[in-house]
Protein backbone atom coordinates (compact mmCIF):
# COMPACT_ATOMS: atom_id res chain seq x y z
CA MET A 1 -25.62 -45.18 58.85
CA SER A 2 -24.30 -46.02 55.39
CA ILE A 3 -22.95 -49.44 54.37
CA GLN A 4 -19.43 -48.03 54.38
CA GLU A 5 -19.84 -46.64 57.88
CA ARG A 6 -21.30 -49.94 59.14
CA ILE A 7 -18.35 -51.86 57.71
CA LEU A 8 -15.81 -49.46 59.21
CA GLU A 9 -17.48 -49.52 62.62
CA GLY A 10 -17.63 -53.31 62.62
CA ALA A 11 -14.04 -53.69 61.45
CA ALA A 12 -12.80 -51.21 64.06
CA THR A 13 -14.55 -53.18 66.81
CA LEU A 14 -13.06 -56.50 65.71
CA PHE A 15 -9.56 -55.14 65.00
CA LYS A 16 -9.34 -53.49 68.42
CA ALA A 17 -10.58 -56.61 70.18
CA TYR A 18 -8.61 -59.31 68.34
CA GLY A 19 -5.87 -57.64 66.32
CA ILE A 20 -5.68 -57.04 62.58
CA LYS A 21 -4.06 -60.27 61.42
CA SER A 22 -6.50 -62.44 63.34
CA VAL A 23 -9.64 -60.96 61.82
CA THR A 24 -10.74 -62.40 58.46
CA MET A 25 -13.17 -60.90 56.01
CA ASP A 26 -15.45 -63.90 56.64
CA GLN A 27 -15.50 -63.08 60.35
CA LEU A 28 -16.27 -59.46 59.62
CA ALA A 29 -19.11 -60.43 57.29
CA ASN A 30 -20.60 -62.72 59.95
CA HIS A 31 -20.21 -60.01 62.58
CA LEU A 32 -22.05 -57.51 60.39
CA GLY A 33 -24.66 -59.94 59.12
CA MET A 34 -23.84 -59.20 55.48
CA SER A 35 -22.12 -61.01 52.65
CA LYS A 36 -18.39 -60.84 52.08
CA ARG A 37 -19.17 -59.70 48.54
CA THR A 38 -20.88 -56.58 49.92
CA ILE A 39 -17.72 -55.71 51.87
CA TYR A 40 -15.53 -56.17 48.80
CA GLU A 41 -17.83 -53.91 46.78
CA VAL A 42 -16.91 -51.09 49.18
CA PHE A 43 -13.31 -52.01 50.07
CA SER A 44 -11.12 -53.74 47.51
CA ASP A 45 -9.08 -55.67 50.08
CA LYS A 46 -8.19 -55.85 53.75
CA ASP A 47 -5.51 -53.17 53.45
CA ALA A 48 -8.04 -50.71 52.01
CA LEU A 49 -10.41 -51.60 54.83
CA LEU A 50 -7.69 -51.07 57.45
CA GLU A 51 -6.80 -47.70 55.94
CA GLY A 52 -10.44 -46.70 56.22
CA VAL A 53 -10.58 -47.82 59.87
CA LEU A 54 -7.39 -45.95 60.76
CA GLN A 55 -8.64 -42.82 59.02
CA LEU A 56 -11.89 -43.09 60.96
CA MET A 57 -9.94 -43.31 64.21
CA VAL A 58 -7.74 -40.37 63.26
CA ASP A 59 -10.72 -38.18 62.34
CA ARG A 60 -12.49 -38.97 65.60
CA GLN A 61 -9.36 -38.34 67.63
CA LYS A 62 -8.87 -34.94 66.01
CA LEU A 63 -12.42 -33.92 66.87
CA VAL A 64 -12.07 -35.06 70.48
CA VAL A 65 -8.72 -33.32 70.94
CA GLN A 66 -9.99 -30.06 69.49
CA LYS A 67 -13.16 -30.17 71.59
CA ILE A 68 -11.20 -30.70 74.80
CA LEU A 69 -8.68 -27.98 74.00
CA ASP A 70 -11.45 -25.53 73.13
CA GLU A 71 -13.68 -26.25 76.13
CA SER A 72 -11.20 -26.78 78.99
CA GLU A 73 -10.70 -23.96 81.47
CA ASN A 74 -6.90 -24.08 81.08
CA VAL A 75 -4.17 -26.04 79.35
CA ILE A 76 -3.26 -28.27 82.31
CA VAL A 77 -6.87 -29.38 82.76
CA ALA A 78 -6.99 -30.07 79.00
CA ILE A 79 -3.81 -32.15 79.15
CA PHE A 80 -5.17 -34.29 81.98
CA LYS A 81 -8.43 -34.83 80.09
CA LEU A 82 -6.49 -35.90 77.00
CA VAL A 83 -4.36 -38.26 79.08
CA GLU A 84 -7.49 -39.81 80.55
CA ILE A 85 -9.05 -40.33 77.12
CA SER A 86 -5.82 -41.74 75.68
CA TRP A 87 -5.61 -44.15 78.60
CA SER A 88 -9.20 -45.25 78.03
CA HIS A 89 -8.56 -45.86 74.32
CA PHE A 90 -5.38 -47.75 75.14
CA GLN A 91 -7.25 -50.07 77.51
CA ASP A 92 -9.90 -50.73 74.84
CA MET A 93 -7.29 -51.97 72.35
CA SER A 94 -5.97 -55.51 72.56
CA PRO A 95 -2.18 -56.00 72.70
CA ALA A 96 -2.50 -57.83 69.37
CA PHE A 97 -4.00 -54.76 67.69
CA GLN A 98 -1.27 -52.51 69.05
CA ALA A 99 1.45 -54.92 67.95
CA ASP A 100 -0.05 -55.29 64.45
CA ILE A 101 -0.27 -51.51 64.02
CA LYS A 102 3.31 -51.02 65.16
CA LYS A 103 4.76 -53.89 63.13
CA PHE A 104 2.87 -53.78 59.85
CA HIS A 105 1.22 -50.40 59.46
CA SER A 106 3.58 -47.77 60.86
CA ASP A 107 4.14 -46.40 57.34
CA PHE A 108 0.46 -45.44 57.08
CA LEU A 109 0.52 -43.67 60.44
CA MET A 110 3.77 -41.87 59.61
CA ASN A 111 2.36 -40.70 56.27
CA LYS A 112 -0.74 -39.33 57.98
CA SER A 113 1.39 -37.51 60.54
CA GLU A 114 3.60 -35.95 57.86
CA LYS A 115 0.50 -34.61 56.10
CA SER A 116 -0.68 -33.10 59.41
CA GLU A 117 -3.74 -35.36 59.26
CA MET A 118 -3.12 -36.61 62.78
CA PRO A 119 -3.56 -34.47 65.89
CA ASP A 120 0.12 -34.03 66.68
CA TYR A 121 2.33 -31.38 68.28
CA ARG A 122 2.28 -29.02 65.28
CA ASN A 123 -1.33 -28.08 65.91
CA ASN A 124 -1.01 -27.42 69.64
CA ILE A 125 1.84 -24.98 70.20
CA ARG A 126 -0.61 -22.17 70.89
CA PHE A 127 -1.98 -24.07 73.88
CA ILE A 128 1.49 -24.33 75.42
CA GLN A 129 1.88 -20.60 74.86
CA LYS A 130 -1.48 -20.04 76.53
CA GLY A 131 -0.21 -21.98 79.54
CA ILE A 132 2.74 -19.60 79.68
CA ASP A 133 0.49 -16.55 79.33
CA ASP A 134 -1.80 -17.89 82.10
CA ASN A 135 1.22 -18.33 84.42
CA LEU A 136 0.74 -22.10 84.61
CA PHE A 137 3.93 -22.85 82.63
CA ARG A 138 7.27 -21.14 83.21
CA LYS A 139 8.02 -18.17 80.99
CA ASP A 140 11.58 -19.35 80.24
CA ILE A 141 10.49 -22.50 78.34
CA ASN A 142 10.48 -22.86 74.56
CA ALA A 143 6.83 -23.51 73.63
CA ASP A 144 7.67 -25.34 70.40
CA LEU A 145 10.27 -27.58 72.01
CA VAL A 146 8.09 -28.34 75.03
CA ASN A 147 5.14 -29.15 72.80
CA ARG A 148 7.23 -31.67 70.85
CA CYS A 149 8.45 -33.22 74.10
CA LEU A 150 4.93 -33.62 75.49
CA TYR A 151 3.84 -35.27 72.25
CA ALA A 152 6.83 -37.63 72.26
CA LEU A 153 6.46 -38.46 75.95
CA GLY A 154 2.79 -39.26 75.47
CA LYS A 155 3.72 -41.84 72.83
CA LEU A 156 6.63 -43.10 74.93
CA THR A 157 4.45 -43.96 77.92
CA MET A 158 2.56 -46.45 75.72
CA ASP A 159 5.73 -48.22 74.51
CA ASN A 160 5.50 -51.79 75.77
CA GLU A 161 9.07 -52.61 74.76
CA LEU A 162 10.56 -49.83 76.86
CA PHE A 163 8.03 -50.13 79.69
CA PRO A 164 6.79 -53.77 79.69
CA PHE A 165 3.24 -54.23 80.98
CA GLU A 166 4.37 -57.02 83.28
CA LEU A 167 6.87 -54.74 85.05
CA PHE A 168 5.16 -51.35 85.10
CA SER A 169 1.53 -50.27 85.14
CA ARG A 170 0.64 -47.55 82.61
CA LYS A 171 -0.34 -45.27 85.49
CA GLU A 172 3.07 -45.74 87.10
CA VAL A 173 4.81 -44.90 83.82
CA LEU A 174 2.54 -41.91 83.31
CA ARG A 175 3.30 -40.49 86.73
CA ASN A 176 7.06 -41.06 86.57
CA VAL A 177 7.59 -39.96 82.96
CA TYR A 178 4.86 -37.62 81.73
CA ILE A 179 3.55 -35.97 84.89
CA ASN A 180 7.04 -35.34 86.28
CA TYR A 181 8.01 -33.61 83.04
CA LEU A 182 4.84 -31.54 83.25
CA ARG A 183 5.79 -30.47 86.76
CA GLY A 184 9.24 -29.48 85.53
CA ILE A 185 7.85 -26.91 83.09
CA SER A 186 5.15 -25.59 85.42
CA THR A 187 5.02 -22.60 87.76
CA PRO A 188 4.07 -23.08 91.45
CA GLU A 189 0.46 -22.37 90.44
CA GLY A 190 0.66 -25.00 87.73
CA ILE A 191 2.24 -27.57 90.05
CA GLU A 192 -0.52 -27.00 92.60
CA LEU A 193 -3.12 -27.71 89.93
CA ILE A 194 -1.25 -30.81 88.75
CA ASN A 195 -1.13 -32.16 92.32
CA VAL A 196 -4.90 -31.83 92.59
CA LEU A 197 -5.62 -33.40 89.19
CA GLU A 198 -3.13 -36.24 89.62
CA ILE A 199 -5.17 -37.69 92.48
CA ASN A 200 -7.79 -38.82 89.95
CA ILE A 201 -5.37 -40.65 87.68
C-alpha cells in the first residue's frame, strides 16, 4: 500500500468514526504513526485530503454496485443486496460525519454526480428495463422515471431531518417508503419475491 493509500484509508476511518470537523491533521498523523509533514507532502490541506477520501469512497461504491448488478440473478435481488450494503455503510458512519458531509461538502458530491462519477440513476436504467423484460416489474412503467424515483427514494430514506432517528428506525422507513414503492411497480411475481426477501431486512 502506498503512502497516499495509507493516508486515505486512515483518514476515511477517522472521518467516518468522528466526523470531518473533529479530526485534526495531528490526530491523523498519530493514528497513522507518521509525521504531519509527510501527510502535507501528499495532500496540501484538509480539503484536498477530504476530496481524496470522498473519491475513494465513490470509486469503491461504483465497483460494488456494478459487481452486484452484474452477478445477481435478477434486478429485485440486486436491489435488496444494494439496500443491505447501503444500510451497512450508513451504520458505519457517525452522525457527525453525515452532518459534516451534508452541511459543508455537498458541492463536491453534486459536482461528482453531475460528471457521472457517482453510481447514480443514469447508469442503471437498463436494469429497470431488465426487470420489465423478466416480468418482475410492470410493463406499463416508465423505466427512466422509475429509475430516478428509486434513486431519490434511496437517498430520502437516509434523511434524518425528514425521518428523525429518534422517531423512526431506518428499517421502518425503508419498509414504508422504499419497499412499498418497489411493490407498486412490481408484477405479482415480483411482489412474491419482494415478500420473501423483505423477511431478511
